[in-house]
PDB file of N, CA and C in Angstrom:
ATOM      1  N   MET A   1     170.028 201.125  18.640  1.00  0.00           N
ATOM      2  CA  MET A   1     169.485 199.842  18.318  1.00  0.00           C
ATOM      3  C   MET A   1     167.967 199.983  18.302  1.00  0.00           C
ATOM      4  N   SER A   2     167.330 199.272  17.392  1.00  0.00           N
ATOM      5  CA  SER A   2     165.873 199.278  17.344  1.00  0.00           C
ATOM      6  C   SER A   2     165.367 197.956  16.786  1.00  0.00           C
ATOM      7  N   VAL A   3     164.121 197.689  17.049  1.00  0.00           N
ATOM      8  CA  VAL A   3     163.446 196.507  16.521  1.00  0.00           C
ATOM      9  C   VAL A   3     162.453 197.004  15.482  1.00  0.00           C
ATOM     10  N   VAL A   4     162.488 196.408  14.290  1.00  0.00           N
ATOM     11  CA  VAL A   4     161.604 196.826  13.203  1.00  0.00           C
ATOM     12  C   VAL A   4     160.753 195.641  12.778  1.00  0.00           C
ATOM     13  N   PHE A   5     159.454 195.851  12.720  1.00  0.00           N
ATOM     14  CA  PHE A   5     158.519 194.829  12.256  1.00  0.00           C
ATOM     15  C   PHE A   5     158.121 195.160  10.829  1.00  0.00           C
ATOM     16  N   ASN A   6     158.184 194.174   9.954  1.00  0.00           N
ATOM     17  CA  ASN A   6     157.714 194.326   8.582  1.00  0.00           C
ATOM     18  C   ASN A   6     156.510 193.432   8.389  1.00  0.00           C
ATOM     19  N   ASN A   7     155.556 193.905   7.620  1.00  0.00           N
ATOM     20  CA  ASN A   7     154.373 193.102   7.339  1.00  0.00           C
ATOM     21  C   ASN A   7     154.770 192.017   6.353  1.00  0.00           C
ATOM     22  N   SER A   8     154.863 190.795   6.826  1.00  0.00           N
ATOM     23  CA  SER A   8     155.325 189.701   5.980  1.00  0.00           C
ATOM     24  C   SER A   8     154.201 189.063   5.181  1.00  0.00           C
ATOM     25  N   ILE A   9     152.973 189.440   5.450  1.00  0.00           N
ATOM     26  CA  ILE A   9     151.839 188.866   4.727  1.00  0.00           C
ATOM     27  C   ILE A   9     151.470 189.815   3.595  1.00  0.00           C
ATOM     28  N   GLN A  10     151.694 189.396   2.373  1.00  0.00           N
ATOM     29  CA  GLN A  10     151.377 190.205   1.202  1.00  0.00           C
ATOM     30  C   GLN A  10     150.147 189.618   0.526  1.00  0.00           C
ATOM     31  N   ASP A  11     149.035 190.318   0.601  1.00  0.00           N
ATOM     32  CA  ASP A  11     147.797 189.864  -0.010  1.00  0.00           C
ATOM     33  C   ASP A  11     147.496 190.763  -1.198  1.00  0.00           C
ATOM     34  N   ILE A  12     147.284 190.176  -2.351  1.00  0.00           N
ATOM     35  CA  ILE A  12     147.053 190.954  -3.563  1.00  0.00           C
ATOM     36  C   ILE A  12     145.800 191.809  -3.436  1.00  0.00           C
ATOM     37  N   THR A  13     144.778 191.298  -2.790  1.00  0.00           N
ATOM     38  CA  THR A  13     143.519 192.034  -2.674  1.00  0.00           C
ATOM     39  C   THR A  13     143.533 193.029  -1.520  1.00  0.00           C
ATOM     40  N   LYS A  14     144.568 193.022  -0.701  1.00  0.00           N
ATOM     41  CA  LYS A  14     144.716 193.938   0.444  1.00  0.00           C
ATOM     42  C   LYS A  14     143.578 193.797   1.445  1.00  0.00           C
ATOM     43  N   GLN A  15     143.019 192.617   1.571  1.00  0.00           N
ATOM     44  CA  GLN A  15     141.947 192.393   2.530  1.00  0.00           C
ATOM     45  C   GLN A  15     142.537 191.983   3.868  1.00  0.00           C
ATOM     46  N   ASN A  16     142.045 192.590   4.921  1.00  0.00           N
ATOM     47  CA  ASN A  16     142.457 192.204   6.271  1.00  0.00           C
ATOM     48  C   ASN A  16     141.475 191.164   6.787  1.00  0.00           C
ATOM     49  N   THR A  17     141.858 189.933   6.717  1.00  0.00           N
ATOM     50  CA  THR A  17     141.018 188.883   7.266  1.00  0.00           C
ATOM     51  C   THR A  17     141.440 188.629   8.700  1.00  0.00           C
ATOM     52  N   ARG A  18     140.608 187.928   9.429  1.00  0.00           N
ATOM     53  CA  ARG A  18     140.890 187.689  10.841  1.00  0.00           C
ATOM     54  C   ARG A  18     142.208 186.944  11.039  1.00  0.00           C
ATOM     55  N   GLY A  19     142.570 186.051  10.143  1.00  0.00           N
ATOM     56  CA  GLY A  19     143.808 185.288  10.273  1.00  0.00           C
ATOM     57  C   GLY A  19     145.062 186.106  10.043  1.00  0.00           C
ATOM     58  N   ASN A  20     144.937 187.261   9.376  1.00  0.00           N
ATOM     59  CA  ASN A  20     146.103 188.100   9.095  1.00  0.00           C
ATOM     60  C   ASN A  20     146.366 189.133  10.180  1.00  0.00           C
ATOM     61  N   ASN A  21     145.457 189.309  11.114  1.00  0.00           N
ATOM     62  CA  ASN A  21     145.613 190.309  12.167  1.00  0.00           C
ATOM     63  C   ASN A  21     146.286 189.687  13.380  1.00  0.00           C
ATOM     64  N   TYR A  22     147.341 190.337  13.868  1.00  0.00           N
ATOM     65  CA  TYR A  22     148.026 189.838  15.049  1.00  0.00           C
ATOM     66  C   TYR A  22     148.605 190.997  15.845  1.00  0.00           C
ATOM     67  N   ARG A  23     148.962 190.725  17.088  1.00  0.00           N
ATOM     68  CA  ARG A  23     149.561 191.714  17.993  1.00  0.00           C
ATOM     69  C   ARG A  23     150.861 191.152  18.546  1.00  0.00           C
ATOM     70  N   CYS A  24     151.781 192.039  18.846  1.00  0.00           N
ATOM     71  CA  CYS A  24     153.060 191.630  19.410  1.00  0.00           C
ATOM     72  C   CYS A  24     153.463 192.659  20.459  1.00  0.00           C
ATOM     73  N   GLN A  25     153.832 192.203  21.639  1.00  0.00           N
ATOM     74  CA  GLN A  25     154.352 193.086  22.674  1.00  0.00           C
ATOM     75  C   GLN A  25     155.848 192.863  22.761  1.00  0.00           C
ATOM     76  N   LEU A  26     156.605 193.951  22.764  1.00  0.00           N
ATOM     77  CA  LEU A  26     158.062 193.884  22.776  1.00  0.00           C
ATOM     78  C   LEU A  26     158.575 194.183  24.184  1.00  0.00           C
ATOM     79  N   PHE A  27     159.206 193.196  24.806  1.00  0.00           N
ATOM     80  CA  PHE A  27     159.820 193.352  26.124  1.00  0.00           C
ATOM     81  C   PHE A  27     161.316 193.107  26.001  1.00  0.00           C
ATOM     82  N   VAL A  28     162.116 193.966  26.628  1.00  0.00           N
ATOM     83  CA  VAL A  28     163.567 193.796  26.686  1.00  0.00           C
ATOM     84  C   VAL A  28     163.978 193.915  28.142  1.00  0.00           C
ATOM     85  N   ASN A  29     164.538 192.856  28.685  1.00  0.00           N
ATOM     86  CA  ASN A  29     164.972 192.808  30.085  1.00  0.00           C
ATOM     87  C   ASN A  29     163.863 193.214  31.052  1.00  0.00           C
ATOM     88  N   GLY A  30     162.646 192.800  30.765  1.00  0.00           N
ATOM     89  CA  GLY A  30     161.522 193.068  31.649  1.00  0.00           C
ATOM     90  C   GLY A  30     160.834 194.404  31.443  1.00  0.00           C
ATOM     91  N   TYR A  31     161.326 195.233  30.540  1.00  0.00           N
ATOM     92  CA  TYR A  31     160.714 196.527  30.254  1.00  0.00           C
ATOM     93  C   TYR A  31     159.967 196.449  28.927  1.00  0.00           C
ATOM     94  N   GLN A  32     158.728 196.961  28.916  1.00  0.00           N
ATOM     95  CA  GLN A  32     157.970 196.964  27.672  1.00  0.00           C
ATOM     96  C   GLN A  32     158.367 198.174  26.846  1.00  0.00           C
ATOM     97  N   PHE A  33     158.790 197.925  25.597  1.00  0.00           N
ATOM     98  CA  PHE A  33     159.223 199.003  24.714  1.00  0.00           C
ATOM     99  C   PHE A  33     158.263 199.247  23.568  1.00  0.00           C
ATOM    100  N   GLY A  34     157.230 198.472  23.466  1.00  0.00           N
ATOM    101  CA  GLY A  34     156.269 198.744  22.407  1.00  0.00           C
ATOM    102  C   GLY A  34     155.242 197.657  22.257  1.00  0.00           C
ATOM    103  N   LYS A  35     154.202 198.027  21.546  1.00  0.00           N
ATOM    104  CA  LYS A  35     153.143 197.085  21.195  1.00  0.00           C
ATOM    105  C   LYS A  35     152.858 197.292  19.714  1.00  0.00           C
ATOM    106  N   TYR A  36     153.010 196.236  18.928  1.00  0.00           N
ATOM    107  CA  TYR A  36     152.803 196.302  17.489  1.00  0.00           C
ATOM    108  C   TYR A  36     151.510 195.580  17.136  1.00  0.00           C
ATOM    109  N   ILE A  37     150.660 196.256  16.387  1.00  0.00           N
ATOM    110  CA  ILE A  37     149.429 195.661  15.872  1.00  0.00           C
ATOM    111  C   ILE A  37     149.492 195.834  14.365  1.00  0.00           C
ATOM    112  N   ASN A  38     149.585 194.738  13.621  1.00  0.00           N
ATOM    113  CA  ASN A  38     149.933 194.833  12.206  1.00  0.00           C
ATOM    114  C   ASN A  38     148.903 195.542  11.351  1.00  0.00           C
ATOM    115  N   HIS A  39     147.643 195.566  11.718  1.00  0.00           N
ATOM    116  CA  HIS A  39     146.629 196.212  10.886  1.00  0.00           C
ATOM    117  C   HIS A  39     146.191 197.576  11.424  1.00  0.00           C
ATOM    118  N   VAL A  40     146.844 198.075  12.477  1.00  0.00           N
ATOM    119  CA  VAL A  40     146.487 199.356  13.080  1.00  0.00           C
ATOM    120  C   VAL A  40     147.760 200.174  13.270  1.00  0.00           C
ATOM    121  N   GLY A  41     147.692 201.444  12.963  1.00  0.00           N
ATOM    122  CA  GLY A  41     148.771 202.360  13.281  1.00  0.00           C
ATOM    123  C   GLY A  41     149.969 202.309  12.356  1.00  0.00           C
ATOM    124  N   PRO A  42     150.720 203.405  12.338  1.00  0.00           N
ATOM    125  CA  PRO A  42     151.855 203.494  11.430  1.00  0.00           C
ATOM    126  C   PRO A  42     153.189 203.047  12.024  1.00  0.00           C
ATOM    127  N   GLN A  43     153.293 202.846  13.341  1.00  0.00           N
ATOM    128  CA  GLN A  43     154.601 202.583  13.939  1.00  0.00           C
ATOM    129  C   GLN A  43     155.043 201.150  13.689  1.00  0.00           C
ATOM    130  N   THR A  44     156.236 201.015  13.070  1.00  0.00           N
ATOM    131  CA  THR A  44     156.819 199.691  12.835  1.00  0.00           C
ATOM    132  C   THR A  44     158.204 199.573  13.452  1.00  0.00           C
ATOM    133  N   ALA A  45     158.814 200.700  13.848  1.00  0.00           N
ATOM    134  CA  ALA A  45     160.151 200.684  14.447  1.00  0.00           C
ATOM    135  C   ALA A  45     160.049 201.096  15.913  1.00  0.00           C
ATOM    136  N   PHE A  46     160.716 200.327  16.773  1.00  0.00           N
ATOM    137  CA  PHE A  46     160.694 200.582  18.205  1.00  0.00           C
ATOM    138  C   PHE A  46     162.133 200.704  18.692  1.00  0.00           C
ATOM    139  N   PRO A  47     162.598 201.927  18.981  1.00  0.00           N
ATOM    140  CA  PRO A  47     163.976 202.106  19.441  1.00  0.00           C
ATOM    141  C   PRO A  47     164.178 201.575  20.856  1.00  0.00           C
ATOM    142  N   ILE A  48     165.369 201.041  21.096  1.00  0.00           N
ATOM    143  CA  ILE A  48     165.763 200.575  22.423  1.00  0.00           C
ATOM    144  C   ILE A  48     166.883 201.494  22.889  1.00  0.00           C
ATOM    145  N   PRO A  49     166.661 202.278  23.949  1.00  0.00           N
ATOM    146  CA  PRO A  49     167.661 203.244  24.396  1.00  0.00           C
ATOM    147  C   PRO A  49     168.943 202.568  24.877  1.00  0.00           C
ATOM    148  N   GLY A  50     170.041 203.296  24.755  1.00  0.00           N
ATOM    149  CA  GLY A  50     171.313 202.801  25.257  1.00  0.00           C
ATOM    150  C   GLY A  50     171.258 202.599  26.760  1.00  0.00           C
ATOM    151  N   GLY A  51     171.987 201.624  27.256  1.00  0.00           N
ATOM    152  CA  GLY A  51     172.000 201.329  28.673  1.00  0.00           C
ATOM    153  C   GLY A  51     171.076 200.195  29.063  1.00  0.00           C
ATOM    154  N   ILE A  52     170.159 199.836  28.211  1.00  0.00           N
ATOM    155  CA  ILE A  52     169.254 198.727  28.502  1.00  0.00           C
ATOM    156  C   ILE A  52     169.947 197.400  28.214  1.00  0.00           C
ATOM    157  N   ILE A  53     170.694 197.349  27.125  1.00  0.00           N
ATOM    158  CA  ILE A  53     171.413 196.133  26.737  1.00  0.00           C
ATOM    159  C   ILE A  53     172.896 196.326  27.022  1.00  0.00           C
ATOM    160  N   ASN A  54     173.495 195.391  27.736  1.00  0.00           N
ATOM    161  CA  ASN A  54     174.918 195.440  28.038  1.00  0.00           C
ATOM    162  C   ASN A  54     175.675 194.782  26.887  1.00  0.00           C
ATOM    163  N   HIS A  55     176.344 195.586  26.074  1.00  0.00           N
ATOM    164  CA  HIS A  55     177.053 195.078  24.902  1.00  0.00           C
ATOM    165  C   HIS A  55     178.371 194.393  25.262  1.00  0.00           C
ATOM    166  N   GLU A  56     178.844 194.568  26.481  1.00  0.00           N
ATOM    167  CA  GLU A  56     180.131 193.994  26.884  1.00  0.00           C
ATOM    168  C   GLU A  56     179.979 192.682  27.636  1.00  0.00           C
ATOM    169  N   ALA A  57     178.778 192.209  27.820  1.00  0.00           N
ATOM    170  CA  ALA A  57     178.564 190.977  28.588  1.00  0.00           C
ATOM    171  C   ALA A  57     178.743 189.744  27.739  1.00  0.00           C
TER     172      ALA A  57
END
């Protein structure tokens, strides 16, 4: 299982304005699994290891 962030803001001019920049911290059951910054870095997929989520609950 993984969480994938896609850049939903499509700007024709490809300008990064202050309103288009945001950050997101991903927490699952109290554990931080990633930090996404939409205008920095290539990582968009954050895997969640087995055993963190109980699929039988």
